[in-house]
Structure formats: structure tokens, C-alpha cells
Amino acid sequence: GGVSCAEAIAEATELPSDEASLYYLDARGGWIGRFEIQRYAALGQNRYRFVGRDHSETGSSPGQMDITVHSRTSFTETQYGGRYTHCQTSTIPRAIRADLGG
């Protein structure tokens, strides 16, 4: 099952930002765990590609993530089928937004 916005926000107050399931994305990019999104590419038919870098303890390497957008509040990561829910920024406490780079 999916994690509600309230659950993700509660988790983010307790876990490091690269381990929590709350991520911050905007028009310039963002982070999903240790994947840094540097740009977006439209693939057509509600499909998009996040292009960026995968970061690890040993360094970083180019990476990408393809998603399918289902609605204004939901998208699925294509490779593993993980489902993500969009939370309104206004519902996320300022301290957490600052931790996530928001």
C-alpha cells in the first residue's frame, strides 16, 4: 500500500532525508533518495524521464528514472513500478522542506 502524505511527513521528521519516503521536486529538479534529478525530458503519452546522478558512498554516476503520470497527484516509476503520491507543499512543515532543499 501507499504511504499517505501525513505518514510520509511524520517519517521525515525521524529519518535522514535520503532514507525517508518524502521527496522534494520542483521545476529545477530535486532528489528521490540518493538520485539527484538535474533535468526532465518528456517522452510522450504522460511519460517523462528524470535525468541526473545516482550518489553513493563511493561517488556518483549518471542515472535516469522514467515515470508515468496518472493524475495531478500520482505517478508510477516505470522500472520497478513504485507508486508516488504528490503532497501539497503547504502541508509540509518548513523545517522538513529546508532539510529536503525545498
N, C-alpha and C. Protein backbone atom coordinates (compact mmCIF):
# COMPACT_ATOMS: atom_id res chain seq x y z
N GLY A 1 0.82 -1.21 0.00
CA GLY A 1 0.00 0.00 0.00
C GLY A 1 0.85 1.25 0.00
N GLY A 2 0.27 2.32 -0.42
CA GLY A 2 0.98 3.58 -0.47
C GLY A 2 1.06 4.23 0.89
N VAL A 3 1.97 5.15 1.04
CA VAL A 3 2.13 5.91 2.26
C VAL A 3 1.36 7.21 2.08
N SER A 4 0.53 7.57 3.06
CA SER A 4 -0.20 8.82 2.96
C SER A 4 0.75 10.00 3.15
N CYS A 5 0.32 11.18 2.75
CA CYS A 5 1.15 12.36 2.95
C CYS A 5 1.48 12.53 4.42
N ALA A 6 0.48 12.37 5.30
CA ALA A 6 0.71 12.55 6.74
C ALA A 6 1.75 11.55 7.25
N GLU A 7 1.68 10.30 6.78
CA GLU A 7 2.64 9.28 7.22
C GLU A 7 4.05 9.61 6.74
N ALA A 8 4.17 10.05 5.48
CA ALA A 8 5.48 10.40 4.93
C ALA A 8 6.09 11.58 5.67
N ILE A 9 5.25 12.56 6.01
CA ILE A 9 5.73 13.73 6.74
C ILE A 9 6.21 13.33 8.13
N ALA A 10 5.45 12.46 8.81
CA ALA A 10 5.84 12.00 10.14
C ALA A 10 7.16 11.25 10.07
N GLU A 11 7.32 10.40 9.05
CA GLU A 11 8.55 9.63 8.89
C GLU A 11 9.74 10.55 8.65
N ALA A 12 9.53 11.60 7.87
CA ALA A 12 10.61 12.51 7.51
C ALA A 12 11.13 13.30 8.71
N THR A 13 10.31 13.42 9.75
CA THR A 13 10.79 14.11 10.95
C THR A 13 11.73 13.23 11.75
N GLU A 14 11.75 11.91 11.47
CA GLU A 14 12.53 10.97 12.26
C GLU A 14 13.72 10.37 11.52
N LEU A 15 13.68 10.35 10.19
CA LEU A 15 14.72 9.67 9.40
C LEU A 15 15.57 10.68 8.63
N PRO A 16 16.83 10.32 8.30
CA PRO A 16 17.62 11.18 7.40
C PRO A 16 16.90 11.32 6.06
N SER A 17 17.10 12.46 5.40
CA SER A 17 16.32 12.74 4.19
C SER A 17 16.56 11.72 3.08
N ASP A 18 17.74 11.06 3.04
CA ASP A 18 17.94 10.09 1.96
C ASP A 18 17.35 8.72 2.29
N GLU A 19 16.78 8.56 3.49
CA GLU A 19 16.13 7.30 3.85
C GLU A 19 14.61 7.43 3.94
N ALA A 20 14.12 8.64 4.10
CA ALA A 20 12.67 8.85 4.21
C ALA A 20 12.01 8.70 2.84
N SER A 21 10.71 8.45 2.84
CA SER A 21 10.00 8.29 1.57
C SER A 21 9.31 9.59 1.15
N LEU A 22 9.76 10.71 1.71
CA LEU A 22 9.25 12.02 1.30
C LEU A 22 10.34 12.70 0.48
N TYR A 23 9.99 13.11 -0.73
CA TYR A 23 10.98 13.70 -1.64
C TYR A 23 10.48 15.05 -2.09
N TYR A 24 11.41 15.91 -2.49
CA TYR A 24 11.05 17.26 -2.92
C TYR A 24 11.49 17.46 -4.36
N LEU A 25 10.54 17.76 -5.23
CA LEU A 25 10.83 18.02 -6.64
C LEU A 25 10.23 19.37 -7.01
N ASP A 26 10.93 20.11 -7.85
CA ASP A 26 10.34 21.33 -8.40
C ASP A 26 10.77 21.46 -9.86
N ALA A 27 10.50 22.61 -10.46
CA ALA A 27 10.77 22.78 -11.88
C ALA A 27 12.25 22.68 -12.20
N ARG A 28 13.11 22.91 -11.21
CA ARG A 28 14.56 22.88 -11.45
C ARG A 28 15.14 21.48 -11.23
N GLY A 29 14.43 20.61 -10.51
CA GLY A 29 14.97 19.29 -10.23
C GLY A 29 14.59 18.85 -8.84
N GLY A 30 15.47 18.11 -8.19
CA GLY A 30 15.19 17.65 -6.84
C GLY A 30 15.90 16.35 -6.55
N TRP A 31 15.44 15.67 -5.51
CA TRP A 31 16.06 14.42 -5.09
C TRP A 31 15.00 13.37 -4.84
N ILE A 32 15.27 12.12 -5.23
CA ILE A 32 14.47 10.97 -4.82
C ILE A 32 15.48 10.03 -4.18
N GLY A 33 15.48 9.99 -2.84
CA GLY A 33 16.51 9.24 -2.14
C GLY A 33 17.88 9.80 -2.49
N ARG A 34 18.75 8.96 -3.03
CA ARG A 34 20.10 9.41 -3.40
C ARG A 34 20.21 9.73 -4.89
N PHE A 35 19.08 9.77 -5.58
CA PHE A 35 19.09 10.12 -7.01
C PHE A 35 18.82 11.62 -7.14
N GLU A 36 19.77 12.34 -7.70
CA GLU A 36 19.63 13.78 -7.90
C GLU A 36 19.09 14.05 -9.30
N ILE A 37 17.90 14.66 -9.37
CA ILE A 37 17.31 14.99 -10.67
C ILE A 37 17.86 16.32 -11.15
N GLN A 38 18.45 16.31 -12.33
CA GLN A 38 19.04 17.54 -12.87
C GLN A 38 18.21 18.14 -13.99
N ARG A 39 17.44 17.32 -14.69
CA ARG A 39 16.54 17.85 -15.72
C ARG A 39 15.45 16.82 -16.02
N TYR A 40 14.43 17.30 -16.69
CA TYR A 40 13.31 16.45 -17.07
C TYR A 40 13.24 16.37 -18.59
N ALA A 41 12.80 15.23 -19.10
CA ALA A 41 12.56 15.10 -20.54
C ALA A 41 11.18 14.47 -20.74
N ALA A 42 10.37 15.06 -21.63
CA ALA A 42 9.06 14.50 -21.93
C ALA A 42 9.22 13.39 -22.97
N LEU A 43 8.62 12.23 -22.70
CA LEU A 43 8.72 11.09 -23.62
C LEU A 43 7.43 10.88 -24.40
N GLY A 44 6.38 11.64 -24.07
CA GLY A 44 5.09 11.49 -24.74
C GLY A 44 4.18 10.53 -23.98
N GLN A 45 2.88 10.65 -24.20
CA GLN A 45 1.88 9.76 -23.59
C GLN A 45 1.99 9.73 -22.06
N ASN A 46 2.09 10.91 -21.44
CA ASN A 46 2.15 11.02 -19.98
C ASN A 46 3.40 10.38 -19.39
N ARG A 47 4.43 10.16 -20.21
CA ARG A 47 5.67 9.56 -19.70
C ARG A 47 6.77 10.61 -19.71
N TYR A 48 7.57 10.58 -18.66
CA TYR A 48 8.66 11.55 -18.50
C TYR A 48 9.90 10.82 -18.01
N ARG A 49 11.04 11.43 -18.27
CA ARG A 49 12.31 10.87 -17.80
C ARG A 49 12.98 11.90 -16.90
N PHE A 50 13.37 11.45 -15.71
CA PHE A 50 14.22 12.26 -14.83
C PHE A 50 15.66 11.90 -15.18
N VAL A 51 16.47 12.89 -15.52
CA VAL A 51 17.88 12.66 -15.86
C VAL A 51 18.73 13.31 -14.78
N GLY A 52 19.69 12.56 -14.25
CA GLY A 52 20.51 13.13 -13.18
C GLY A 52 21.65 12.23 -12.80
N ARG A 53 21.92 12.16 -11.49
CA ARG A 53 23.06 11.39 -11.00
C ARG A 53 22.65 10.56 -9.79
N ASP A 54 23.13 9.32 -9.78
CA ASP A 54 22.98 8.43 -8.62
C ASP A 54 24.19 8.64 -7.72
N HIS A 55 23.93 8.95 -6.45
CA HIS A 55 25.01 9.19 -5.50
C HIS A 55 25.12 8.01 -4.54
N SER A 56 26.36 7.64 -4.20
CA SER A 56 26.59 6.56 -3.24
C SER A 56 27.80 6.92 -2.39
N GLU A 57 28.14 6.04 -1.48
CA GLU A 57 29.30 6.28 -0.63
C GLU A 57 30.59 6.38 -1.45
N THR A 58 30.61 5.75 -2.62
CA THR A 58 31.84 5.69 -3.41
C THR A 58 31.90 6.76 -4.51
N GLY A 59 30.88 7.59 -4.61
CA GLY A 59 30.90 8.62 -5.64
C GLY A 59 29.55 8.76 -6.30
N SER A 60 29.53 9.23 -7.55
CA SER A 60 28.27 9.40 -8.26
C SER A 60 28.44 8.98 -9.71
N SER A 61 27.33 8.62 -10.33
CA SER A 61 27.35 8.21 -11.73
C SER A 61 26.07 8.70 -12.40
N PRO A 62 26.09 8.86 -13.73
CA PRO A 62 24.88 9.31 -14.42
C PRO A 62 23.75 8.30 -14.20
N GLY A 63 22.54 8.82 -14.10
CA GLY A 63 21.39 7.94 -13.92
C GLY A 63 20.14 8.55 -14.51
N GLN A 64 19.11 7.75 -14.60
CA GLN A 64 17.83 8.26 -15.06
C GLN A 64 16.70 7.43 -14.45
N MET A 65 15.51 8.02 -14.43
CA MET A 65 14.33 7.34 -13.92
C MET A 65 13.17 7.74 -14.82
N ASP A 66 12.47 6.75 -15.37
CA ASP A 66 11.30 7.04 -16.20
C ASP A 66 10.05 6.89 -15.35
N ILE A 67 9.11 7.83 -15.53
CA ILE A 67 7.85 7.78 -14.79
C ILE A 67 6.68 7.87 -15.74
N THR A 68 5.52 7.39 -15.28
CA THR A 68 4.25 7.58 -15.97
C THR A 68 3.33 8.34 -15.02
N VAL A 69 2.81 9.48 -15.48
CA VAL A 69 1.93 10.31 -14.66
C VAL A 69 0.49 9.85 -14.88
N HIS A 70 -0.20 9.55 -13.77
CA HIS A 70 -1.57 9.05 -13.84
C HIS A 70 -2.60 10.15 -13.60
N SER A 71 -2.25 11.12 -12.77
CA SER A 71 -3.18 12.19 -12.43
C SER A 71 -2.36 13.34 -11.87
N ARG A 72 -3.03 14.39 -11.43
CA ARG A 72 -2.31 15.52 -10.84
C ARG A 72 -1.63 15.14 -9.53
N THR A 73 -2.02 14.01 -8.93
CA THR A 73 -1.48 13.67 -7.61
C THR A 73 -0.77 12.33 -7.57
N SER A 74 -0.54 11.68 -8.72
CA SER A 74 0.02 10.33 -8.68
C SER A 74 0.86 10.03 -9.90
N PHE A 75 2.03 9.40 -9.67
CA PHE A 75 2.81 8.87 -10.79
C PHE A 75 3.49 7.57 -10.37
N THR A 76 3.85 6.76 -11.37
CA THR A 76 4.50 5.47 -11.14
C THR A 76 5.88 5.48 -11.77
N GLU A 77 6.85 4.95 -11.03
CA GLU A 77 8.20 4.78 -11.56
C GLU A 77 8.18 3.52 -12.43
N THR A 78 8.61 3.65 -13.69
CA THR A 78 8.39 2.60 -14.68
C THR A 78 9.17 1.31 -14.41
N GLN A 79 10.44 1.41 -14.04
CA GLN A 79 11.28 0.22 -13.96
C GLN A 79 10.83 -0.75 -12.87
N TYR A 80 10.54 -0.23 -11.68
CA TYR A 80 10.17 -1.10 -10.55
C TYR A 80 8.70 -1.00 -10.17
N GLY A 81 7.98 -0.07 -10.78
CA GLY A 81 6.55 0.05 -10.51
C GLY A 81 6.20 0.75 -9.21
N GLY A 82 7.18 1.44 -8.60
CA GLY A 82 6.89 2.16 -7.37
C GLY A 82 5.93 3.30 -7.64
N ARG A 83 4.92 3.46 -6.75
CA ARG A 83 3.92 4.50 -6.95
C ARG A 83 4.20 5.66 -5.99
N TYR A 84 4.10 6.87 -6.52
CA TYR A 84 4.36 8.08 -5.75
C TYR A 84 3.12 8.94 -5.71
N THR A 85 2.88 9.59 -4.59
CA THR A 85 1.74 10.49 -4.42
C THR A 85 2.26 11.90 -4.21
N HIS A 86 1.64 12.84 -4.89
CA HIS A 86 2.03 14.24 -4.75
C HIS A 86 1.36 14.82 -3.51
N CYS A 87 2.14 15.46 -2.65
CA CYS A 87 1.61 16.14 -1.47
C CYS A 87 1.75 17.65 -1.68
N GLN A 88 0.75 18.40 -1.32
CA GLN A 88 0.84 19.86 -1.42
C GLN A 88 1.98 20.37 -0.54
N THR A 89 2.82 21.24 -1.09
CA THR A 89 3.94 21.77 -0.34
C THR A 89 3.47 22.45 0.94
N SER A 90 2.29 23.07 0.88
CA SER A 90 1.79 23.81 2.04
C SER A 90 1.51 22.91 3.24
N THR A 91 1.40 21.59 3.01
CA THR A 91 1.11 20.67 4.12
C THR A 91 2.39 20.19 4.81
N ILE A 92 3.56 20.52 4.24
CA ILE A 92 4.82 20.01 4.76
C ILE A 92 5.48 21.07 5.64
N PRO A 93 5.80 20.74 6.88
CA PRO A 93 6.41 21.72 7.79
C PRO A 93 7.69 22.33 7.20
N ARG A 94 7.89 23.61 7.49
CA ARG A 94 9.01 24.36 6.91
C ARG A 94 10.35 23.70 7.20
N ALA A 95 10.55 23.16 8.40
CA ALA A 95 11.84 22.55 8.75
C ALA A 95 12.15 21.35 7.86
N ILE A 96 11.12 20.57 7.54
CA ILE A 96 11.32 19.41 6.66
C ILE A 96 11.61 19.89 5.24
N ARG A 97 10.90 20.91 4.78
CA ARG A 97 11.17 21.44 3.44
C ARG A 97 12.61 21.91 3.35
N ALA A 98 13.12 22.53 4.40
CA ALA A 98 14.50 23.03 4.38
C ALA A 98 15.48 21.85 4.30
N ASP A 99 15.21 20.76 5.05
CA ASP A 99 16.07 19.57 5.01
C ASP A 99 16.11 18.98 3.61
N LEU A 100 14.98 19.03 2.90
CA LEU A 100 14.87 18.40 1.58
C LEU A 100 15.31 19.36 0.48
N GLY A 101 15.70 20.56 0.83
CA GLY A 101 16.15 21.51 -0.19
C GLY A 101 15.03 22.32 -0.77
N GLY A 102 13.84 22.29 -0.13
CA GLY A 102 12.67 22.99 -0.66
C GLY A 102 12.68 24.46 -0.35
